[in-house]
C-alpha cells in the first residue's frame, strides 16, 4: 500500500461516520460523567479538565479576535491564567473575557452535535489536535503535564481501542463537558457572595461594559444550562 492510499484511508477514517452506540451505553457514560462532577473529592481532580477547556476558550477567542497570545498557565488548585496582548478594551477583549466560563459547555455542545452525526473518530482526533496546539502555549510544568496526559488519553483511545470503547469514551467526555460546565459559574457566584474573586471574568466584563457582573454570571448560567439541554437531547437521540 503506497503513501497516498494510506493517507486517503486515514482521511476517510477520520471524516467517516461510525454507528451510534446503544442507548444504555450513552446513559452509562452520562452517569459516569455525573459521578465525576458531583462529588467534591472527584471534582477536585476532574475540574482540571474543565480548566483546560476554560483557558483554551480564552486563548482561542483571543486569537480569533486578533489579539496576541502570550501564554497559558494551569495550576494544581485547578485555577488558570491566559495572557494576551492587544487593546485593553473593545469587542475583542469582551469576547475573550466571556469565553472562559462558556467554553466547556459550548465545546460539549459542539461535541454532542458531532456524536449525533456519527463522527466519533473526528471528535477524538479533533480534541487531540486542539490539545496539541494548546500545549505550544503552555508556560508552566503542571500545565504541560495535564495537557499532555489529556492529549495522550484521546490519542491512545482513538488508536488502540475498538469502536465501543471509543464511543463510550467520546460520549463520557462530552457528557462531562456539558455537566461540568454548569458547576464553575455557581462556584464563582458563591465566591463573589462571600467577597472573593474580585478580579473574576464576570468582574472584568463588568469593568469592560456597562453591564454589572451579575448579568454576566446569569449569561454563564444560561449558556451552560441551554447547552446541557440541547446537547443532552442530541446525545440521547431525541
C-alpha atoms as a PDB file:
ATOM      1  CA  UNK A   1       0.000   0.000   0.000  1.00  0.00           C
ATOM      2  CA  UNK A   2       1.574   3.318  -1.090  1.00  0.00           C
ATOM      3  CA  UNK A   3       1.609   6.504   0.984  1.00  0.00           C
ATOM      4  CA  UNK A   4      -1.231   8.164  -0.942  1.00  0.00           C
ATOM      5  CA  UNK A   5      -3.510   5.183  -0.366  1.00  0.00           C
ATOM      6  CA  UNK A   6      -2.606   5.158   3.322  1.00  0.00           C
ATOM      7  CA  UNK A   7      -3.289   8.886   3.623  1.00  0.00           C
ATOM      8  CA  UNK A   8      -6.633   8.503   1.859  1.00  0.00           C
ATOM      9  CA  UNK A   9      -7.665   5.629   4.127  1.00  0.00           C
ATOM     10  CA  UNK A  10      -6.640   7.636   7.194  1.00  0.00           C
ATOM     11  CA  UNK A  11      -8.570  10.684   5.986  1.00  0.00           C
ATOM     12  CA  UNK A  12     -11.664   8.581   5.324  1.00  0.00           C
ATOM     13  CA  UNK A  13     -11.344   7.040   8.782  1.00  0.00           C
ATOM     14  CA  UNK A  14     -11.287  10.453  10.434  1.00  0.00           C
ATOM     15  CA  UNK A  15     -14.074  12.034   8.383  1.00  0.00           C
ATOM     16  CA  UNK A  16     -16.241   8.941   8.086  1.00  0.00           C
ATOM     17  CA  UNK A  17     -19.180   8.142  10.307  1.00  0.00           C
ATOM     18  CA  UNK A  18     -19.428   5.426  12.920  1.00  0.00           C
ATOM     19  CA  UNK A  19     -22.538   3.614  14.183  1.00  0.00           C
ATOM     20  CA  UNK A  20     -24.396   5.162  17.077  1.00  0.00           C
ATOM     21  CA  UNK A  21     -23.874   3.209  20.312  1.00  0.00           C
ATOM     22  CA  UNK A  22     -26.727   1.616  22.232  1.00  0.00           C
ATOM     23  CA  UNK A  23     -28.774   3.958  24.390  1.00  0.00           C
ATOM     24  CA  UNK A  24     -27.708   2.115  27.549  1.00  0.00           C
ATOM     25  CA  UNK A  25     -24.059   2.929  26.803  1.00  0.00           C
ATOM     26  CA  UNK A  26     -24.908   6.623  26.341  1.00  0.00           C
ATOM     27  CA  UNK A  27     -26.798   6.643  29.640  1.00  0.00           C
ATOM     28  CA  UNK A  28     -23.985   4.857  31.496  1.00  0.00           C
ATOM     29  CA  UNK A  29     -21.438   7.300  30.051  1.00  0.00           C
ATOM     30  CA  UNK A  30     -23.606  10.146  31.337  1.00  0.00           C
ATOM     31  CA  UNK A  31     -23.846   8.570  34.783  1.00  0.00           C
ATOM     32  CA  UNK A  32     -20.059   8.164  34.968  1.00  0.00           C
ATOM     33  CA  UNK A  33     -19.615  11.806  33.934  1.00  0.00           C
ATOM     34  CA  UNK A  34     -22.095  12.881  36.607  1.00  0.00           C
ATOM     35  CA  UNK A  35     -20.137  10.913  39.211  1.00  0.00           C
ATOM     36  CA  UNK A  36     -17.013  12.789  38.111  1.00  0.00           C
ATOM     37  CA  UNK A  37     -18.701  16.183  38.606  1.00  0.00           C
ATOM     38  CA  UNK A  38     -20.957  15.987  41.669  1.00  0.00           C
ATOM     39  CA  UNK A  39     -18.789  14.519  44.500  1.00  0.00           C
ATOM     40  CA  UNK A  40     -16.390  17.136  45.807  1.00  0.00           C
ATOM     41  CA  UNK A  41     -13.381  14.804  46.033  1.00  0.00           C
ATOM     42  CA  UNK A  42     -13.796  13.691  42.433  1.00  0.00           C
ATOM     43  CA  UNK A  43     -14.425  17.253  41.280  1.00  0.00           C
ATOM     44  CA  UNK A  44     -11.150  18.470  42.827  1.00  0.00           C
ATOM     45  CA  UNK A  45      -9.351  16.244  40.317  1.00  0.00           C
ATOM     46  CA  UNK A  46     -11.632  16.310  37.288  1.00  0.00           C
ATOM     47  CA  UNK A  47     -12.034  20.088  37.414  1.00  0.00           C
ATOM     48  CA  UNK A  48      -8.575  20.267  35.842  1.00  0.00           C
ATOM     49  CA  UNK A  49     -10.160  19.177  32.571  1.00  0.00           C
ATOM     50  CA  UNK A  50     -12.731  21.976  32.798  1.00  0.00           C
ATOM     51  CA  UNK A  51      -9.898  24.436  33.459  1.00  0.00           C
ATOM     52  CA  UNK A  52      -8.180  23.254  30.265  1.00  0.00           C
ATOM     53  CA  UNK A  53     -11.374  23.979  28.322  1.00  0.00           C
ATOM     54  CA  UNK A  54     -11.871  27.302  30.152  1.00  0.00           C
ATOM     55  CA  UNK A  55      -8.384  28.625  29.412  1.00  0.00           C
ATOM     56  CA  UNK A  56      -8.464  27.144  25.920  1.00  0.00           C
ATOM     57  CA  UNK A  57     -11.630  29.137  25.275  1.00  0.00           C
ATOM     58  CA  UNK A  58      -9.925  32.350  26.356  1.00  0.00           C
ATOM     59  CA  UNK A  59      -6.936  31.555  24.138  1.00  0.00           C
ATOM     60  CA  UNK A  60      -8.900  30.589  21.033  1.00  0.00           C
ATOM     61  CA  UNK A  61     -11.174  33.629  21.122  1.00  0.00           C
ATOM     62  CA  UNK A  62      -8.204  35.904  21.817  1.00  0.00           C
ATOM     63  CA  UNK A  63      -6.536  34.649  18.633  1.00  0.00           C
ATOM     64  CA  UNK A  64      -9.741  34.832  16.585  1.00  0.00           C
ATOM     65  CA  UNK A  65     -10.335  38.415  17.711  1.00  0.00           C
ATOM     66  CA  UNK A  66      -6.862  39.488  16.606  1.00  0.00           C
ATOM     67  CA  UNK A  67      -5.129  39.572  19.978  1.00  0.00           C
ATOM     68  CA  UNK A  68      -1.614  38.227  20.537  1.00  0.00           C
ATOM     69  CA  UNK A  69      -1.491  35.223  22.822  1.00  0.00           C
ATOM     70  CA  UNK A  70       1.454  35.291  25.245  1.00  0.00           C
ATOM     71  CA  UNK A  71       0.812  32.069  27.123  1.00  0.00           C
ATOM     72  CA  UNK A  72      -1.390  29.862  29.281  1.00  0.00           C
ATOM     73  CA  UNK A  73      -0.798  28.604  32.818  1.00  0.00           C
ATOM     74  CA  UNK A  74      -2.711  25.814  34.548  1.00  0.00           C
ATOM     75  CA  UNK A  75      -2.277  25.384  38.295  1.00  0.00           C
ATOM     76  CA  UNK A  76      -2.695  22.445  40.658  1.00  0.00           C
ATOM     77  CA  UNK A  77      -5.530  24.210  42.519  1.00  0.00           C
ATOM     78  CA  UNK A  78      -7.483  23.995  39.200  1.00  0.00           C
ATOM     79  CA  UNK A  79      -7.133  27.721  38.558  1.00  0.00           C
ATOM     80  CA  UNK A  80      -5.633  29.026  35.339  1.00  0.00           C
ATOM     81  CA  UNK A  81      -4.431  32.153  33.579  1.00  0.00           C
ATOM     82  CA  UNK A  82      -4.377  33.108  29.924  1.00  0.00           C
ATOM     83  CA  UNK A  83      -2.378  36.205  28.975  1.00  0.00           C
ATOM     84  CA  UNK A  84      -2.968  38.002  25.686  1.00  0.00           C
ATOM     85  CA  UNK A  85      -1.927  41.381  24.355  1.00  0.00           C
ATOM     86  CA  UNK A  86      -3.927  43.900  22.396  1.00  0.00           C
ATOM     87  CA  UNK A  87      -6.417  46.657  23.037  1.00  0.00           C
ATOM     88  CA  UNK A  88      -7.356  46.712  26.750  1.00  0.00           C
ATOM     89  CA  UNK A  89     -10.996  47.299  25.815  1.00  0.00           C
ATOM     90  CA  UNK A  90     -13.336  46.780  22.903  1.00  0.00           C
ATOM     91  CA  UNK A  91     -15.253  43.854  21.459  1.00  0.00           C
ATOM     92  CA  UNK A  92     -12.228  41.547  21.181  1.00  0.00           C
ATOM     93  CA  UNK A  93     -11.399  41.911  24.853  1.00  0.00           C
ATOM     94  CA  UNK A  94     -15.043  41.427  25.866  1.00  0.00           C
ATOM     95  CA  UNK A  95     -15.363  38.250  23.803  1.00  0.00           C
ATOM     96  CA  UNK A  96     -12.068  36.930  25.167  1.00  0.00           C
ATOM     97  CA  UNK A  97     -13.139  37.515  28.763  1.00  0.00           C
ATOM     98  CA  UNK A  98     -16.570  35.964  28.168  1.00  0.00           C
ATOM     99  CA  UNK A  99     -15.173  32.856  26.501  1.00  0.00           C
ATOM    100  CA  UNK A 100     -13.776  31.141  29.602  1.00  0.00           C
ATOM    101  CA  UNK A 101     -16.862  30.142  31.564  1.00  0.00           C
ATOM    102  CA  UNK A 102     -18.847  29.411  28.404  1.00  0.00           C
ATOM    103  CA  UNK A 103     -16.158  27.343  26.646  1.00  0.00           C
ATOM    104  CA  UNK A 104     -16.660  23.942  28.364  1.00  0.00           C
ATOM    105  CA  UNK A 105     -20.402  23.958  27.711  1.00  0.00           C
ATOM    106  CA  UNK A 106     -20.052  25.173  24.123  1.00  0.00           C
ATOM    107  CA  UNK A 107     -17.350  22.588  23.429  1.00  0.00           C
ATOM    108  CA  UNK A 108     -19.672  19.965  24.896  1.00  0.00           C
ATOM    109  CA  UNK A 109     -22.495  21.167  22.658  1.00  0.00           C
ATOM    110  CA  UNK A 110     -20.244  21.004  19.581  1.00  0.00           C
ATOM    111  CA  UNK A 111     -19.139  17.528  20.631  1.00  0.00           C
ATOM    112  CA  UNK A 112     -22.733  16.400  21.074  1.00  0.00           C
ATOM    113  CA  UNK A 113     -23.506  17.608  17.553  1.00  0.00           C
ATOM    114  CA  UNK A 114     -20.556  15.633  16.159  1.00  0.00           C
ATOM    115  CA  UNK A 115     -21.592  12.491  18.012  1.00  0.00           C
ATOM    116  CA  UNK A 116     -25.211  12.856  16.889  1.00  0.00           C
ATOM    117  CA  UNK A 117     -23.867  12.951  13.320  1.00  0.00           C
ATOM    118  CA  UNK A 118     -21.820   9.792  13.943  1.00  0.00           C
ATOM    119  CA  UNK A 119     -18.386  11.449  13.878  1.00  0.00           C
ATOM    120  CA  UNK A 120     -16.853   9.720  16.888  1.00  0.00           C
ATOM    121  CA  UNK A 121     -13.357   9.410  15.391  1.00  0.00           C
ATOM    122  CA  UNK A 122     -13.387  13.017  14.190  1.00  0.00           C
ATOM    123  CA  UNK A 123     -14.197  14.165  17.714  1.00  0.00           C
ATOM    124  CA  UNK A 124     -11.337  12.157  19.234  1.00  0.00           C
ATOM    125  CA  UNK A 125      -8.800  13.319  16.671  1.00  0.00           C
ATOM    126  CA  UNK A 126     -10.039  16.899  16.778  1.00  0.00           C
ATOM    127  CA  UNK A 127      -9.673  17.002  20.559  1.00  0.00           C
ATOM    128  CA  UNK A 128      -6.147  15.592  20.265  1.00  0.00           C
ATOM    129  CA  UNK A 129      -5.214  18.277  17.725  1.00  0.00           C
ATOM    130  CA  UNK A 130      -6.643  21.083  19.876  1.00  0.00           C
ATOM    131  CA  UNK A 131      -4.736  19.866  22.927  1.00  0.00           C
ATOM    132  CA  UNK A 132      -1.515  19.616  20.910  1.00  0.00           C
ATOM    133  CA  UNK A 133      -1.983  23.194  19.701  1.00  0.00           C
ATOM    134  CA  UNK A 134      -2.692  24.353  23.252  1.00  0.00           C
ATOM    135  CA  UNK A 135       0.440  22.636  24.545  1.00  0.00           C
ATOM    136  CA  UNK A 136       2.593  25.011  22.495  1.00  0.00           C
ATOM    137  CA  UNK A 137       1.275  27.962  24.515  1.00  0.00           C
ATOM    138  CA  UNK A 138       1.552  26.377  27.991  1.00  0.00           C
ATOM    139  CA  UNK A 139       4.083  28.194  30.153  1.00  0.00           C
ATOM    140  CA  UNK A 140       4.375  26.039  33.297  1.00  0.00           C
ATOM    141  CA  UNK A 141       5.253  22.420  34.073  1.00  0.00           C
ATOM    142  CA  UNK A 142       1.983  21.440  35.742  1.00  0.00           C
ATOM    143  CA  UNK A 143       0.002  22.851  32.833  1.00  0.00           C
ATOM    144  CA  UNK A 144       2.150  20.975  30.322  1.00  0.00           C
ATOM    145  CA  UNK A 145       1.717  17.735  32.266  1.00  0.00           C
ATOM    146  CA  UNK A 146      -2.090  17.976  32.406  1.00  0.00           C
ATOM    147  CA  UNK A 147      -2.413  18.823  28.720  1.00  0.00           C
ATOM    148  CA  UNK A 148      -0.034  16.025  27.698  1.00  0.00           C
ATOM    149  CA  UNK A 149      -1.957  13.497  29.794  1.00  0.00           C
ATOM    150  CA  UNK A 150      -5.283  14.657  28.349  1.00  0.00           C
ATOM    151  CA  UNK A 151      -3.959  14.535  24.791  1.00  0.00           C
ATOM    152  CA  UNK A 152      -2.417  11.112  25.365  1.00  0.00           C
ATOM    153  CA  UNK A 153      -5.743   9.770  26.624  1.00  0.00           C
ATOM    154  CA  UNK A 154      -7.537  10.883  23.469  1.00  0.00           C
ATOM    155  CA  UNK A 155      -4.747   9.663  21.208  1.00  0.00           C
ATOM    156  CA  UNK A 156      -4.443   6.230  22.793  1.00  0.00           C
ATOM    157  CA  UNK A 157      -8.190   5.631  22.820  1.00  0.00           C
ATOM    158  CA  UNK A 158      -8.515   6.632  19.160  1.00  0.00           C
ATOM    159  CA  UNK A 159      -5.616   4.387  18.050  1.00  0.00           C
ATOM    160  CA  UNK A 160      -5.666   1.360  20.321  1.00  0.00           C
ATOM    161  CA  UNK A 161      -9.287   0.624  21.209  1.00  0.00           C
ATOM    162  CA  UNK A 162     -12.305  -0.700  19.395  1.00  0.00           C
ATOM    163  CA  UNK A 163     -15.465   1.150  18.325  1.00  0.00           C
ATOM    164  CA  UNK A 164     -17.420   0.507  21.545  1.00  0.00           C
ATOM    165  CA  UNK A 165     -14.653   1.778  23.811  1.00  0.00           C
ATOM    166  CA  UNK A 166     -14.130   4.810  21.586  1.00  0.00           C
ATOM    167  CA  UNK A 167     -17.835   5.564  21.678  1.00  0.00           C
ATOM    168  CA  UNK A 168     -18.031   5.172  25.461  1.00  0.00           C
ATOM    169  CA  UNK A 169     -15.018   7.452  25.946  1.00  0.00           C
ATOM    170  CA  UNK A 170     -16.272  10.101  23.499  1.00  0.00           C
ATOM    171  CA  UNK A 171     -19.771  10.185  24.976  1.00  0.00           C
ATOM    172  CA  UNK A 172     -18.349  10.285  28.500  1.00  0.00           C
ATOM    173  CA  UNK A 173     -16.125  13.256  27.646  1.00  0.00           C
ATOM    174  CA  UNK A 174     -18.971  15.191  26.036  1.00  0.00           C
ATOM    175  CA  UNK A 175     -21.322  14.478  28.937  1.00  0.00           C
ATOM    176  CA  UNK A 176     -18.564  15.617  31.291  1.00  0.00           C
ATOM    177  CA  UNK A 177     -18.118  18.925  29.458  1.00  0.00           C
ATOM    178  CA  UNK A 178     -21.866  19.552  29.452  1.00  0.00           C
ATOM    179  CA  UNK A 179     -22.318  18.661  33.114  1.00  0.00           C
ATOM    180  CA  UNK A 180     -19.016  20.092  34.299  1.00  0.00           C
ATOM    181  CA  UNK A 181     -19.700  23.391  32.563  1.00  0.00           C
ATOM    182  CA  UNK A 182     -22.587  24.044  34.966  1.00  0.00           C
ATOM    183  CA  UNK A 183     -20.660  23.925  38.232  1.00  0.00           C
ATOM    184  CA  UNK A 184     -17.992  26.691  37.815  1.00  0.00           C
ATOM    185  CA  UNK A 185     -20.491  29.585  37.430  1.00  0.00           C
ATOM    186  CA  UNK A 186     -22.178  28.501  40.665  1.00  0.00           C
ATOM    187  CA  UNK A 187     -18.793  28.315  42.371  1.00  0.00           C
ATOM    188  CA  UNK A 188     -17.947  31.815  41.147  1.00  0.00           C
ATOM    189  CA  UNK A 189     -21.328  33.087  42.317  1.00  0.00           C
ATOM    190  CA  UNK A 190     -20.697  31.654  45.788  1.00  0.00           C
ATOM    191  CA  UNK A 191     -17.210  33.169  45.964  1.00  0.00           C
ATOM    192  CA  UNK A 192     -18.464  36.599  44.992  1.00  0.00           C
ATOM    193  CA  UNK A 193     -21.255  36.378  47.556  1.00  0.00           C
ATOM    194  CA  UNK A 194     -18.585  35.976  50.242  1.00  0.00           C
ATOM    195  CA  UNK A 195     -16.409  38.764  48.877  1.00  0.00           C
ATOM    196  CA  UNK A 196     -13.987  36.559  46.957  1.00  0.00           C
ATOM    197  CA  UNK A 197     -12.764  36.564  43.337  1.00  0.00           C
ATOM    198  CA  UNK A 198     -12.756  40.376  42.905  1.00  0.00           C
ATOM    199  CA  UNK A 199     -10.948  40.048  39.564  1.00  0.00           C
ATOM    200  CA  UNK A 200     -13.072  37.226  38.116  1.00  0.00           C
ATOM    201  CA  UNK A 201     -14.095  37.086  34.458  1.00  0.00           C
ATOM    202  CA  UNK A 202     -17.538  38.442  35.388  1.00  0.00           C
ATOM    203  CA  UNK A 203     -15.989  41.399  37.217  1.00  0.00           C
ATOM    204  CA  UNK A 204     -13.606  42.100  34.347  1.00  0.00           C
ATOM    205  CA  UNK A 205     -16.558  42.065  31.955  1.00  0.00           C
ATOM    206  CA  UNK A 206     -18.416  44.465  34.233  1.00  0.00           C
ATOM    207  CA  UNK A 207     -15.484  46.869  34.013  1.00  0.00           C
ATOM    208  CA  UNK A 208     -15.280  46.480  30.239  1.00  0.00           C
ATOM    209  CA  UNK A 209     -19.007  47.077  29.668  1.00  0.00           C
ATOM    210  CA  UNK A 210     -21.884  48.911  31.254  1.00  0.00           C
ATOM    211  CA  UNK A 211     -23.395  45.635  32.470  1.00  0.00           C
ATOM    212  CA  UNK A 212     -22.958  44.546  36.118  1.00  0.00           C
ATOM    213  CA  UNK A 213     -21.162  41.319  36.947  1.00  0.00           C
ATOM    214  CA  UNK A 214     -24.411  39.619  37.964  1.00  0.00           C
ATOM    215  CA  UNK A 215     -25.663  39.935  34.387  1.00  0.00           C
ATOM    216  CA  UNK A 216     -22.581  38.176  33.077  1.00  0.00           C
ATOM    217  CA  UNK A 217     -22.978  35.475  35.702  1.00  0.00           C
ATOM    218  CA  UNK A 218     -26.554  34.993  34.526  1.00  0.00           C
ATOM    219  CA  UNK A 219     -25.271  34.669  30.959  1.00  0.00           C
ATOM    220  CA  UNK A 220     -22.810  31.963  32.035  1.00  0.00           C
ATOM    221  CA  UNK A 221     -25.692  30.077  33.697  1.00  0.00           C
ATOM    222  CA  UNK A 222     -27.938  30.400  30.652  1.00  0.00           C
ATOM    223  CA  UNK A 223     -25.253  29.157  28.260  1.00  0.00           C
ATOM    224  CA  UNK A 224     -24.330  26.156  30.412  1.00  0.00           C
ATOM    225  CA  UNK A 225     -27.916  25.070  31.088  1.00  0.00           C
ATOM    226  CA  UNK A 226     -29.006  25.591  27.477  1.00  0.00           C
ATOM    227  CA  UNK A 227     -26.011  23.619  26.211  1.00  0.00           C
ATOM    228  CA  UNK A 228     -26.779  20.753  28.590  1.00  0.00           C
ATOM    229  CA  UNK A 229     -30.409  20.674  27.475  1.00  0.00           C
ATOM    230  CA  UNK A 230     -29.643  20.775  23.764  1.00  0.00           C
ATOM    231  CA  UNK A 231     -26.541  18.603  23.916  1.00  0.00           C
ATOM    232  CA  UNK A 232     -28.243  16.031  26.121  1.00  0.00           C
ATOM    233  CA  UNK A 233     -31.086  15.699  23.632  1.00  0.00           C
ATOM    234  CA  UNK A 234     -28.595  15.121  20.801  1.00  0.00           C
ATOM    235  CA  UNK A 235     -26.663  12.535  22.786  1.00  0.00           C
ATOM    236  CA  UNK A 236     -29.833  10.624  23.668  1.00  0.00           C
ATOM    237  CA  UNK A 237     -31.093  10.808  20.097  1.00  0.00           C
ATOM    238  CA  UNK A 238     -34.139  12.906  20.990  1.00  0.00           C
END
